[in-house]
Amino acid sequence: MLDLRPLPLLPELARRGTIAAVAEALAFSPSAVSQQLGVLEREAGLPLLEPTGRRARLPPAGEDLVRHAEAVLELLERAEADLAEARGGLAGVLRVGSFPTATRAIV
């Protein structure tokens, strides 16, 4: 069974195109993203990305896993929201956009 922890990285890589961009977007180091994608590839037993210069292209197996990962992650988000509703609270993903300079001042 695939470990769910690195699963969100693959759809992000499909959207952003580089490990560095994924790392920046998710506040991880590029090394951590690369290692987790390596774990995912080992568990899958086949290549899930093909480096092309600084970018990474997804082979058909990687594209298939992206679709499955998005479906699994959506189901998990819905399950969390349902559980929060049952507890009487709010849950879900809150995405906040900001300029890097403002973020540094606030965070």
PDB file of N, CA and C in Angstrom:
ATOM      1  N   MET A   1       0.851  -1.185   0.000  1.00  0.00           N
ATOM      2  CA  MET A   1       0.000   0.000   0.000  1.00  0.00           C
ATOM      3  C   MET A   1       0.891   1.242   0.000  1.00  0.00           C
ATOM      4  N   LEU A   2       0.485   2.224  -0.750  1.00  0.00           N
ATOM      5  CA  LEU A   2       1.240   3.472  -0.826  1.00  0.00           C
ATOM      6  C   LEU A   2       1.079   4.279   0.455  1.00  0.00           C
ATOM      7  N   ASP A   3       2.167   4.889   0.881  1.00  0.00           N
ATOM      8  CA  ASP A   3       2.142   5.807   2.014  1.00  0.00           C
ATOM      9  C   ASP A   3       1.418   7.076   1.558  1.00  0.00           C
ATOM     10  N   LEU A   4       0.446   7.528   2.327  1.00  0.00           N
ATOM     11  CA  LEU A   4      -0.342   8.704   1.931  1.00  0.00           C
ATOM     12  C   LEU A   4       0.403  10.024   2.123  1.00  0.00           C
ATOM     13  N   ARG A   5       1.401  10.050   2.988  1.00  0.00           N
ATOM     14  CA  ARG A   5       2.057  11.328   3.298  1.00  0.00           C
ATOM     15  C   ARG A   5       2.682  12.018   2.086  1.00  0.00           C
ATOM     16  N   PRO A   6       3.413  11.304   1.212  1.00  0.00           N
ATOM     17  CA  PRO A   6       3.976  12.022   0.060  1.00  0.00           C
ATOM     18  C   PRO A   6       3.002  12.207  -1.103  1.00  0.00           C
ATOM     19  N   LEU A   7       1.818  11.635  -0.999  1.00  0.00           N
ATOM     20  CA  LEU A   7       0.866  11.655  -2.109  1.00  0.00           C
ATOM     21  C   LEU A   7       0.511  13.067  -2.603  1.00  0.00           C
ATOM     22  N   PRO A   8       0.314  14.065  -1.728  1.00  0.00           N
ATOM     23  CA  PRO A   8      -0.031  15.412  -2.224  1.00  0.00           C
ATOM     24  C   PRO A   8       1.070  16.066  -3.063  1.00  0.00           C
ATOM     25  N   LEU A   9       2.289  15.574  -2.950  1.00  0.00           N
ATOM     26  CA  LEU A   9       3.391  16.186  -3.692  1.00  0.00           C
ATOM     27  C   LEU A   9       3.271  15.971  -5.196  1.00  0.00           C
ATOM     28  N   LEU A  10       2.764  14.822  -5.595  1.00  0.00           N
ATOM     29  CA  LEU A  10       2.711  14.509  -7.025  1.00  0.00           C
ATOM     30  C   LEU A  10       1.746  15.423  -7.793  1.00  0.00           C
ATOM     31  N   PRO A  11       0.513  15.650  -7.314  1.00  0.00           N
ATOM     32  CA  PRO A  11      -0.340  16.618  -8.019  1.00  0.00           C
ATOM     33  C   PRO A  11       0.256  18.032  -8.042  1.00  0.00           C
ATOM     34  N   GLU A  12       0.931  18.409  -6.957  1.00  0.00           N
ATOM     35  CA  GLU A  12       1.591  19.726  -6.934  1.00  0.00           C
ATOM     36  C   GLU A  12       2.687  19.790  -7.989  1.00  0.00           C
ATOM     37  N   LEU A  13       3.437  18.711  -8.131  1.00  0.00           N
ATOM     38  CA  LEU A  13       4.486  18.677  -9.144  1.00  0.00           C
ATOM     39  C   LEU A  13       3.886  18.756 -10.545  1.00  0.00           C
ATOM     40  N   ALA A  14       2.773  18.090 -10.745  1.00  0.00           N
ATOM     41  CA  ALA A  14       2.106  18.150 -12.051  1.00  0.00           C
ATOM     42  C   ALA A  14       1.670  19.581 -12.363  1.00  0.00           C
ATOM     43  N   ARG A  15       1.211  20.322 -11.342  1.00  0.00           N
ATOM     44  CA  ARG A  15       0.759  21.703 -11.546  1.00  0.00           C
ATOM     45  C   ARG A  15       1.927  22.678 -11.707  1.00  0.00           C
ATOM     46  N   ARG A  16       2.949  22.512 -10.873  1.00  0.00           N
ATOM     47  CA  ARG A  16       4.012  23.521 -10.801  1.00  0.00           C
ATOM     48  C   ARG A  16       5.226  23.214 -11.678  1.00  0.00           C
ATOM     49  N   GLY A  17       5.474  21.947 -11.951  1.00  0.00           N
ATOM     50  CA  GLY A  17       6.520  21.575 -12.898  1.00  0.00           C
ATOM     51  C   GLY A  17       7.924  21.370 -12.368  1.00  0.00           C
ATOM     52  N   THR A  18       8.238  21.942 -11.194  1.00  0.00           N
ATOM     53  CA  THR A  18       9.585  21.755 -10.646  1.00  0.00           C
ATOM     54  C   THR A  18       9.507  21.397  -9.166  1.00  0.00           C
ATOM     55  N   ILE A  19      10.508  20.656  -8.727  1.00  0.00           N
ATOM     56  CA  ILE A  19      10.580  20.288  -7.314  1.00  0.00           C
ATOM     57  C   ILE A  19      10.768  21.542  -6.464  1.00  0.00           C
ATOM     58  N   ALA A  20      11.561  22.485  -6.956  1.00  0.00           N
ATOM     59  CA  ALA A  20      11.782  23.734  -6.213  1.00  0.00           C
ATOM     60  C   ALA A  20      10.474  24.496  -6.016  1.00  0.00           C
ATOM     61  N   ALA A  21       9.634  24.548  -7.037  1.00  0.00           N
ATOM     62  CA  ALA A  21       8.351  25.258  -6.925  1.00  0.00           C
ATOM     63  C   ALA A  21       7.419  24.551  -5.951  1.00  0.00           C
ATOM     64  N   VAL A  22       7.423  23.227  -5.967  1.00  0.00           N
ATOM     65  CA  VAL A  22       6.606  22.462  -5.016  1.00  0.00           C
ATOM     66  C   VAL A  22       7.096  22.729  -3.600  1.00  0.00           C
ATOM     67  N   ALA A  23       8.410  22.694  -3.409  1.00  0.00           N
ATOM     68  CA  ALA A  23       8.987  22.932  -2.085  1.00  0.00           C
ATOM     69  C   ALA A  23       8.612  24.313  -1.564  1.00  0.00           C
ATOM     70  N   GLU A  24       8.721  25.313  -2.413  1.00  0.00           N
ATOM     71  CA  GLU A  24       8.380  26.677  -1.998  1.00  0.00           C
ATOM     72  C   GLU A  24       6.894  26.791  -1.660  1.00  0.00           C
ATOM     73  N   ALA A  25       6.045  26.202  -2.479  1.00  0.00           N
ATOM     74  CA  ALA A  25       4.599  26.304  -2.262  1.00  0.00           C
ATOM     75  C   ALA A  25       4.160  25.611  -0.979  1.00  0.00           C
ATOM     76  N   LEU A  26       4.824  24.516  -0.631  1.00  0.00           N
ATOM     77  CA  LEU A  26       4.401  23.739   0.540  1.00  0.00           C
ATOM     78  C   LEU A  26       5.294  23.954   1.759  1.00  0.00           C
ATOM     79  N   ALA A  27       6.249  24.880   1.653  1.00  0.00           N
ATOM     80  CA  ALA A  27       7.160  25.210   2.751  1.00  0.00           C
ATOM     81  C   ALA A  27       7.994  24.005   3.194  1.00  0.00           C
ATOM     82  N   PHE A  28       8.502  23.259   2.216  1.00  0.00           N
ATOM     83  CA  PHE A  28       9.439  22.165   2.460  1.00  0.00           C
ATOM     84  C   PHE A  28      10.756  22.528   1.792  1.00  0.00           C
ATOM     85  N   SER A  29      11.797  21.812   2.138  1.00  0.00           N
ATOM     86  CA  SER A  29      13.045  21.982   1.398  1.00  0.00           C
ATOM     87  C   SER A  29      12.950  21.168   0.110  1.00  0.00           C
ATOM     88  N   PRO A  30      13.634  21.604  -0.942  1.00  0.00           N
ATOM     89  CA  PRO A  30      13.635  20.804  -2.173  1.00  0.00           C
ATOM     90  C   PRO A  30      14.132  19.380  -1.932  1.00  0.00           C
ATOM     91  N   SER A  31      15.096  19.240  -1.034  1.00  0.00           N
ATOM     92  CA  SER A  31      15.621  17.913  -0.709  1.00  0.00           C
ATOM     93  C   SER A  31      14.538  17.021  -0.112  1.00  0.00           C
ATOM     94  N   ALA A  32      13.727  17.575   0.786  1.00  0.00           N
ATOM     95  CA  ALA A  32      12.646  16.797   1.410  1.00  0.00           C
ATOM     96  C   ALA A  32      11.615  16.373   0.368  1.00  0.00           C
ATOM     97  N   VAL A  33      11.273  17.271  -0.541  1.00  0.00           N
ATOM     98  CA  VAL A  33      10.308  16.942  -1.599  1.00  0.00           C
ATOM     99  C   VAL A  33      10.872  15.835  -2.477  1.00  0.00           C
ATOM    100  N   SER A  34      12.126  15.975  -2.867  1.00  0.00           N
ATOM    101  CA  SER A  34      12.769  14.976  -3.714  1.00  0.00           C
ATOM    102  C   SER A  34      12.812  13.614  -3.028  1.00  0.00           C
ATOM    103  N   GLN A  35      13.155  13.599  -1.752  1.00  0.00           N
ATOM    104  CA  GLN A  35      13.205  12.339  -1.001  1.00  0.00           C
ATOM    105  C   GLN A  35      11.830  11.693  -0.921  1.00  0.00           C
ATOM    106  N   GLN A  36      10.802  12.483  -0.643  1.00  0.00           N
ATOM    107  CA  GLN A  36       9.451  11.926  -0.528  1.00  0.00           C
ATOM    108  C   GLN A  36       8.939  11.408  -1.871  1.00  0.00           C
ATOM    109  N   LEU A  37       9.269  12.095  -2.949  1.00  0.00           N
ATOM    110  CA  LEU A  37       8.893  11.602  -4.277  1.00  0.00           C
ATOM    111  C   LEU A  37       9.637  10.307  -4.591  1.00  0.00           C
ATOM    112  N   GLY A  38      10.874  10.200  -4.112  1.00  0.00           N
ATOM    113  CA  GLY A  38      11.629   8.960  -4.271  1.00  0.00           C
ATOM    114  C   GLY A  38      10.979   7.809  -3.531  1.00  0.00           C
ATOM    115  N   VAL A  39      10.485   8.085  -2.322  1.00  0.00           N
ATOM    116  CA  VAL A  39       9.760   7.065  -1.548  1.00  0.00           C
ATOM    117  C   VAL A  39       8.539   6.603  -2.330  1.00  0.00           C
ATOM    118  N   LEU A  40       7.803   7.553  -2.875  1.00  0.00           N
ATOM    119  CA  LEU A  40       6.603   7.228  -3.647  1.00  0.00           C
ATOM    120  C   LEU A  40       6.953   6.371  -4.870  1.00  0.00           C
ATOM    121  N   GLU A  41       8.036   6.721  -5.552  1.00  0.00           N
ATOM    122  CA  GLU A  41       8.462   5.933  -6.716  1.00  0.00           C
ATOM    123  C   GLU A  41       8.849   4.507  -6.317  1.00  0.00           C
ATOM    124  N   ARG A  42       9.587   4.371  -5.216  1.00  0.00           N
ATOM    125  CA  ARG A  42       9.980   3.029  -4.762  1.00  0.00           C
ATOM    126  C   ARG A  42       8.761   2.198  -4.409  1.00  0.00           C
ATOM    127  N   GLU A  43       7.794   2.811  -3.732  1.00  0.00           N
ATOM    128  CA  GLU A  43       6.579   2.079  -3.366  1.00  0.00           C
ATOM    129  C   GLU A  43       5.771   1.698  -4.606  1.00  0.00           C
ATOM    130  N   ALA A  44       5.745   2.578  -5.594  1.00  0.00           N
ATOM    131  CA  ALA A  44       4.997   2.301  -6.822  1.00  0.00           C
ATOM    132  C   ALA A  44       5.707   1.243  -7.669  1.00  0.00           C
ATOM    133  N   GLY A  45       7.016   1.187  -7.550  1.00  0.00           N
ATOM    134  CA  GLY A  45       7.775   0.198  -8.297  1.00  0.00           C
ATOM    135  C   GLY A  45       8.079   0.577  -9.735  1.00  0.00           C
ATOM    136  N   LEU A  46       7.870   1.840 -10.089  1.00  0.00           N
ATOM    137  CA  LEU A  46       8.203   2.318 -11.430  1.00  0.00           C
ATOM    138  C   LEU A  46       8.378   3.829 -11.393  1.00  0.00           C
ATOM    139  N   PRO A  47       9.051   4.394 -12.402  1.00  0.00           N
ATOM    140  CA  PRO A  47       9.282   5.839 -12.411  1.00  0.00           C
ATOM    141  C   PRO A  47       7.972   6.624 -12.507  1.00  0.00           C
ATOM    142  N   LEU A  48       7.855   7.632 -11.663  1.00  0.00           N
ATOM    143  CA  LEU A  48       6.668   8.490 -11.671  1.00  0.00           C
ATOM    144  C   LEU A  48       6.974   9.874 -12.225  1.00  0.00           C
ATOM    145  N   LEU A  49       8.254  10.181 -12.423  1.00  0.00           N
ATOM    146  CA  LEU A  49       8.621  11.452 -13.033  1.00  0.00           C
ATOM    147  C   LEU A  49       9.893  11.278 -13.842  1.00  0.00           C
ATOM    148  N   GLU A  50      10.013  12.100 -14.863  1.00  0.00           N
ATOM    149  CA  GLU A  50      11.178  12.098 -15.747  1.00  0.00           C
ATOM    150  C   GLU A  50      11.775  13.498 -15.743  1.00  0.00           C
ATOM    151  N   PRO A  51      12.981  13.647 -15.190  1.00  0.00           N
ATOM    152  CA  PRO A  51      13.613  14.968 -15.199  1.00  0.00           C
ATOM    153  C   PRO A  51      13.915  15.417 -16.630  1.00  0.00           C
ATOM    154  N   THR A  52      13.566  16.635 -16.932  1.00  0.00           N
ATOM    155  CA  THR A  52      13.886  17.242 -18.228  1.00  0.00           C
ATOM    156  C   THR A  52      14.464  18.618 -17.938  1.00  0.00           C
ATOM    157  N   GLY A  53      15.772  18.677 -17.753  1.00  0.00           N
ATOM    158  CA  GLY A  53      16.393  19.929 -17.337  1.00  0.00           C
ATOM    159  C   GLY A  53      16.002  20.221 -15.897  1.00  0.00           C
ATOM    160  N   ARG A  54      15.501  21.404 -15.662  1.00  0.00           N
ATOM    161  CA  ARG A  54      15.071  21.774 -14.305  1.00  0.00           C
ATOM    162  C   ARG A  54      13.636  21.353 -14.014  1.00  0.00           C
ATOM    163  N   ARG A  55      12.924  20.989 -15.040  1.00  0.00           N
ATOM    164  CA  ARG A  55      11.520  20.606 -14.882  1.00  0.00           C
ATOM    165  C   ARG A  55      11.417  19.099 -14.750  1.00  0.00           C
ATOM    166  N   ALA A  56      10.272  18.638 -14.319  1.00  0.00           N
ATOM    167  CA  ALA A  56      10.004  17.203 -14.234  1.00  0.00           C
ATOM    168  C   ALA A  56       8.730  16.915 -15.017  1.00  0.00           C
ATOM    169  N   ARG A  57       8.816  15.958 -15.919  1.00  0.00           N
ATOM    170  CA  ARG A  57       7.664  15.550 -16.715  1.00  0.00           C
ATOM    171  C   ARG A  57       7.138  14.246 -16.145  1.00  0.00           C
ATOM    172  N   LEU A  58       5.824  14.104 -16.127  1.00  0.00           N
ATOM    173  CA  LEU A  58       5.222  12.879 -15.613  1.00  0.00           C
ATOM    174  C   LEU A  58       4.991  11.894 -16.750  1.00  0.00           C
ATOM    175  N   PRO A  59       5.518  10.677 -16.607  1.00  0.00           N
ATOM    176  CA  PRO A  59       5.197   9.648 -17.593  1.00  0.00           C
ATOM    177  C   PRO A  59       3.748   9.199 -17.390  1.00  0.00           C
ATOM    178  N   PRO A  60       3.212   8.353 -18.259  1.00  0.00           N
ATOM    179  CA  PRO A  60       1.815   7.920 -18.100  1.00  0.00           C
ATOM    180  C   PRO A  60       1.485   7.368 -16.707  1.00  0.00           C
ATOM    181  N   ALA A  61       2.392   6.607 -16.114  1.00  0.00           N
ATOM    182  CA  ALA A  61       2.127   6.072 -14.768  1.00  0.00           C
ATOM    183  C   ALA A  61       2.016   7.202 -13.748  1.00  0.00           C
ATOM    184  N   GLY A  62       2.846   8.230 -13.891  1.00  0.00           N
ATOM    185  CA  GLY A  62       2.777   9.378 -12.990  1.00  0.00           C
ATOM    186  C   GLY A  62       1.483  10.148 -13.157  1.00  0.00           C
ATOM    187  N   GLU A  63       1.048  10.318 -14.405  1.00  0.00           N
ATOM    188  CA  GLU A  63      -0.221  11.010 -14.666  1.00  0.00           C
ATOM    189  C   GLU A  63      -1.397  10.223 -14.092  1.00  0.00           C
ATOM    190  N   ASP A  64      -1.342   8.899 -14.224  1.00  0.00           N
ATOM    191  CA  ASP A  64      -2.403   8.064 -13.640  1.00  0.00           C
ATOM    192  C   ASP A  64      -2.449   8.230 -12.131  1.00  0.00           C
ATOM    193  N   LEU A  65      -1.263   8.208 -11.501  1.00  0.00           N
ATOM    194  CA  LEU A  65      -1.234   8.331 -10.043  1.00  0.00           C
ATOM    195  C   LEU A  65      -1.696   9.714  -9.596  1.00  0.00           C
ATOM    196  N   VAL A  66      -1.433  10.745 -10.379  1.00  0.00           N
ATOM    197  CA  VAL A  66      -1.921  12.093 -10.048  1.00  0.00           C
ATOM    198  C   VAL A  66      -3.443  12.082  -9.975  1.00  0.00           C
ATOM    199  N   ARG A  67      -4.091  11.474 -10.953  1.00  0.00           N
ATOM    200  CA  ARG A  67      -5.566  11.422 -10.941  1.00  0.00           C
ATOM    201  C   ARG A  67      -6.072  10.675  -9.706  1.00  0.00           C
ATOM    202  N   HIS A  68      -5.448   9.552  -9.400  1.00  0.00           N
ATOM    203  CA  HIS A  68      -5.866   8.790  -8.215  1.00  0.00           C
ATOM    204  C   HIS A  68      -5.578   9.573  -6.930  1.00  0.00           C
ATOM    205  N   ALA A  69      -4.424  10.221  -6.877  1.00  0.00           N
ATOM    206  CA  ALA A  69      -4.052  10.994  -5.691  1.00  0.00           C
ATOM    207  C   ALA A  69      -5.044  12.124  -5.451  1.00  0.00           C
ATOM    208  N   GLU A  70      -5.432  12.822  -6.509  1.00  0.00           N
ATOM    209  CA  GLU A  70      -6.400  13.914  -6.356  1.00  0.00           C
ATOM    210  C   GLU A  70      -7.732  13.385  -5.830  1.00  0.00           C
ATOM    211  N   ALA A  71      -8.163  12.233  -6.320  1.00  0.00           N
ATOM    212  CA  ALA A  71      -9.427  11.649  -5.850  1.00  0.00           C
ATOM    213  C   ALA A  71      -9.319  11.241  -4.386  1.00  0.00           C
ATOM    214  N   VAL A  72      -8.213  10.608  -4.012  1.00  0.00           N
ATOM    215  CA  VAL A  72      -8.017  10.175  -2.622  1.00  0.00           C
ATOM    216  C   VAL A  72      -7.962  11.385  -1.697  1.00  0.00           C
ATOM    217  N   LEU A  73      -7.212  12.404  -2.078  1.00  0.00           N
ATOM    218  CA  LEU A  73      -7.083  13.597  -1.239  1.00  0.00           C
ATOM    219  C   LEU A  73      -8.415  14.323  -1.089  1.00  0.00           C
ATOM    220  N   GLU A  74      -9.203  14.357  -2.150  1.00  0.00           N
ATOM    221  CA  GLU A  74     -10.530  14.973  -2.065  1.00  0.00           C
ATOM    222  C   GLU A  74     -11.421  14.197  -1.097  1.00  0.00           C
ATOM    223  N   LEU A  75     -11.374  12.879  -1.164  1.00  0.00           N
ATOM    224  CA  LEU A  75     -12.167  12.061  -0.234  1.00  0.00           C
ATOM    225  C   LEU A  75     -11.730  12.281   1.208  1.00  0.00           C
ATOM    226  N   LEU A  76     -10.435  12.381   1.440  1.00  0.00           N
ATOM    227  CA  LEU A  76      -9.947  12.629   2.798  1.00  0.00           C
ATOM    228  C   LEU A  76     -10.400  13.994   3.312  1.00  0.00           C
ATOM    229  N   GLU A  77     -10.367  15.009   2.445  1.00  0.00           N
ATOM    230  CA  GLU A  77     -10.844  16.339   2.853  1.00  0.00           C
ATOM    231  C   GLU A  77     -12.327  16.300   3.208  1.00  0.00           C
ATOM    232  N   ARG A  78     -13.106  15.580   2.403  1.00  0.00           N
ATOM    233  CA  ARG A  78     -14.545  15.464   2.699  1.00  0.00           C
ATOM    234  C   ARG A  78     -14.777  14.716   4.006  1.00  0.00           C
ATOM    235  N   ALA A  79     -14.009  13.668   4.239  1.00  0.00           N
ATOM    236  CA  ALA A  79     -14.144  12.909   5.485  1.00  0.00           C
ATOM    237  C   ALA A  79     -13.820  13.794   6.683  1.00  0.00           C
ATOM    238  N   GLU A  80     -12.753  14.588   6.581  1.00  0.00           N
ATOM    239  CA  GLU A  80     -12.400  15.500   7.673  1.00  0.00           C
ATOM    240  C   GLU A  80     -13.498  16.530   7.903  1.00  0.00           C
ATOM    241  N   ALA A  81     -14.062  17.067   6.835  1.00  0.00           N
ATOM    242  CA  ALA A  81     -15.141  18.051   6.963  1.00  0.00           C
ATOM    243  C   ALA A  81     -16.376  17.420   7.597  1.00  0.00           C
ATOM    244  N   ASP A  82     -16.711  16.197   7.193  1.00  0.00           N
ATOM    245  CA  ASP A  82     -17.862  15.503   7.783  1.00  0.00           C
ATOM    246  C   ASP A  82     -17.652  15.256   9.269  1.00  0.00           C
ATOM    247  N   LEU A  83     -16.447  14.846   9.643  1.00  0.00           N
ATOM    248  CA  LEU A  83     -16.156  14.604  11.057  1.00  0.00           C
ATOM    249  C   LEU A  83     -16.222  15.900  11.858  1.00  0.00           C
ATOM    250  N   ALA A  84     -15.707  16.977  11.295  1.00  0.00           N
ATOM    251  CA  ALA A  84     -15.760  18.267  11.982  1.00  0.00           C
ATOM    252  C   ALA A  84     -17.198  18.728  12.148  1.00  0.00           C
ATOM    253  N   GLU A  85     -18.001  18.516  11.122  1.00  0.00           N
ATOM    254  CA  GLU A  85     -19.415  18.891  11.212  1.00  0.00           C
ATOM    255  C   GLU A  85     -20.109  18.080  12.299  1.00  0.00           C
ATOM    256  N   ALA A  86     -19.770  16.806  12.393  1.00  0.00           N
ATOM    257  CA  ALA A  86     -20.359  15.954  13.428  1.00  0.00           C
ATOM    258  C   ALA A  86     -19.953  16.431  14.817  1.00  0.00           C
ATOM    259  N   ARG A  87     -18.742  17.008  14.926  1.00  0.00           N
ATOM    260  CA  ARG A  87     -18.281  17.544  16.213  1.00  0.00           C
ATOM    261  C   ARG A  87     -18.830  18.942  16.457  1.00  0.00           C
ATOM    262  N   GLY A  88     -19.452  19.530  15.452  1.00  0.00           N
ATOM    263  CA  GLY A  88     -20.016  20.870  15.608  1.00  0.00           C
ATOM    264  C   GLY A  88     -19.036  21.978  15.279  1.00  0.00           C
ATOM    265  N   GLY A  89     -17.962  21.672  14.589  1.00  0.00           N
ATOM    266  CA  GLY A  89     -16.975  22.688  14.234  1.00  0.00           C
ATOM    267  C   GLY A  89     -16.847  22.832  12.738  1.00  0.00           C
ATOM    268  N   LEU A  90     -15.946  23.683  12.349  1.00  0.00           N
ATOM    269  CA  LEU A  90     -15.660  23.894  10.935  1.00  0.00           C
ATOM    270  C   LEU A  90     -14.355  23.199  10.589  1.00  0.00           C
ATOM    271  N   ALA A  91     -14.265  22.728   9.362  1.00  0.00           N
ATOM    272  CA  ALA A  91     -13.019  22.129   8.885  1.00  0.00           C
ATOM    273  C   ALA A  91     -12.946  22.305   7.387  1.00  0.00           C
ATOM    274  N   GLY A  92     -11.774  22.183   6.885  1.00  0.00           N
ATOM    275  CA  GLY A  92     -11.563  22.282   5.454  1.00  0.00           C
ATOM    276  C   GLY A  92     -10.226  22.921   5.179  1.00  0.00           C
ATOM    277  N   VAL A  93      -9.977  23.180   3.946  1.00  0.00           N
ATOM    278  CA  VAL A  93      -8.721  23.787   3.542  1.00  0.00           C
ATOM    279  C   VAL A  93      -8.960  25.275   3.348  1.00  0.00           C
ATOM    280  N   LEU A  94      -8.138  26.078   3.976  1.00  0.00           N
ATOM    281  CA  LEU A  94      -8.183  27.526   3.807  1.00  0.00           C
ATOM    282  C   LEU A  94      -6.901  27.933   3.102  1.00  0.00           C
ATOM    283  N   ARG A  95      -7.032  28.454   1.924  1.00  0.00           N
ATOM    284  CA  ARG A  95      -5.863  28.891   1.164  1.00  0.00           C
ATOM    285  C   ARG A  95      -5.797  30.415   1.240  1.00  0.00           C
ATOM    286  N   VAL A  96      -4.636  30.906   1.636  1.00  0.00           N
ATOM    287  CA  VAL A  96      -4.430  32.338   1.786  1.00  0.00           C
ATOM    288  C   VAL A  96      -3.287  32.744   0.870  1.00  0.00           C
ATOM    289  N   GLY A  97      -3.506  33.763   0.085  1.00  0.00           N
ATOM    290  CA  GLY A  97      -2.458  34.281  -0.794  1.00  0.00           C
ATOM    291  C   GLY A  97      -1.862  35.540  -0.190  1.00  0.00           C
ATOM    292  N   SER A  98      -0.564  35.725  -0.416  1.00  0.00           N
ATOM    293  CA  SER A  98       0.106  36.893   0.128  1.00  0.00           C
ATOM    294  C   SER A  98       1.402  37.138  -0.633  1.00  0.00           C
ATOM    295  N   PHE A  99       1.884  38.356  -0.552  1.00  0.00           N
ATOM    296  CA  PHE A  99       3.201  38.666  -1.083  1.00  0.00           C
ATOM    297  C   PHE A  99       4.239  38.150  -0.095  1.00  0.00           C
ATOM    298  N   PRO A 100       5.391  37.672  -0.563  1.00  0.00           N
ATOM    299  CA  PRO A 100       6.411  37.145   0.346  1.00  0.00           C
ATOM    300  C   PRO A 100       6.831  38.138   1.424  1.00  0.00           C
ATOM    301  N   THR A 101       6.928  39.424   1.079  1.00  0.00           N
ATOM    302  CA  THR A 101       7.347  40.403   2.086  1.00  0.00           C
ATOM    303  C   THR A 101       6.305  40.553   3.179  1.00  0.00           C
ATOM    304  N   ALA A 102       5.032  40.528   2.818  1.00  0.00           N
ATOM    305  CA  ALA A 102       3.970  40.625   3.823  1.00  0.00           C
ATOM    306  C   ALA A 102       3.926  39.364   4.670  1.00  0.00           C
ATOM    307  N   THR A 103       4.144  38.227   4.051  1.00  0.00           N
ATOM    308  CA  THR A 103       4.118  36.966   4.788  1.00  0.00           C
ATOM    309  C   THR A 103       5.208  36.945   5.843  1.00  0.00           C
ATOM    310  N   ARG A 104       6.406  37.392   5.481  1.00  0.00           N
ATOM    311  CA  ARG A 104       7.505  37.411   6.455  1.00  0.00           C
ATOM    312  C   ARG A 104       7.171  38.313   7.643  1.00  0.00           C
ATOM    313  N   ALA A 105       6.501  39.412   7.391  1.00  0.00           N
ATOM    314  CA  ALA A 105       6.169  40.340   8.469  1.00  0.00           C
ATOM    315  C   ALA A 105       5.094  39.775   9.384  1.00  0.00           C
ATOM    316  N   ILE A 106       4.164  39.016   8.821  1.00  0.00           N
ATOM    317  CA  ILE A 106       3.052  38.481   9.609  1.00  0.00           C
ATOM    318  C   ILE A 106       3.438  37.200  10.321  1.00  0.00           C
ATOM    319  N   VAL A 107       4.107  36.320   9.608  1.00  0.00           N
ATOM    320  CA  VAL A 107       4.463  35.008  10.157  1.00  0.00           C
ATOM    321  C   VAL A 107       5.781  35.129  10.834  1.00  0.00           C
TER     322      VAL A 107
END
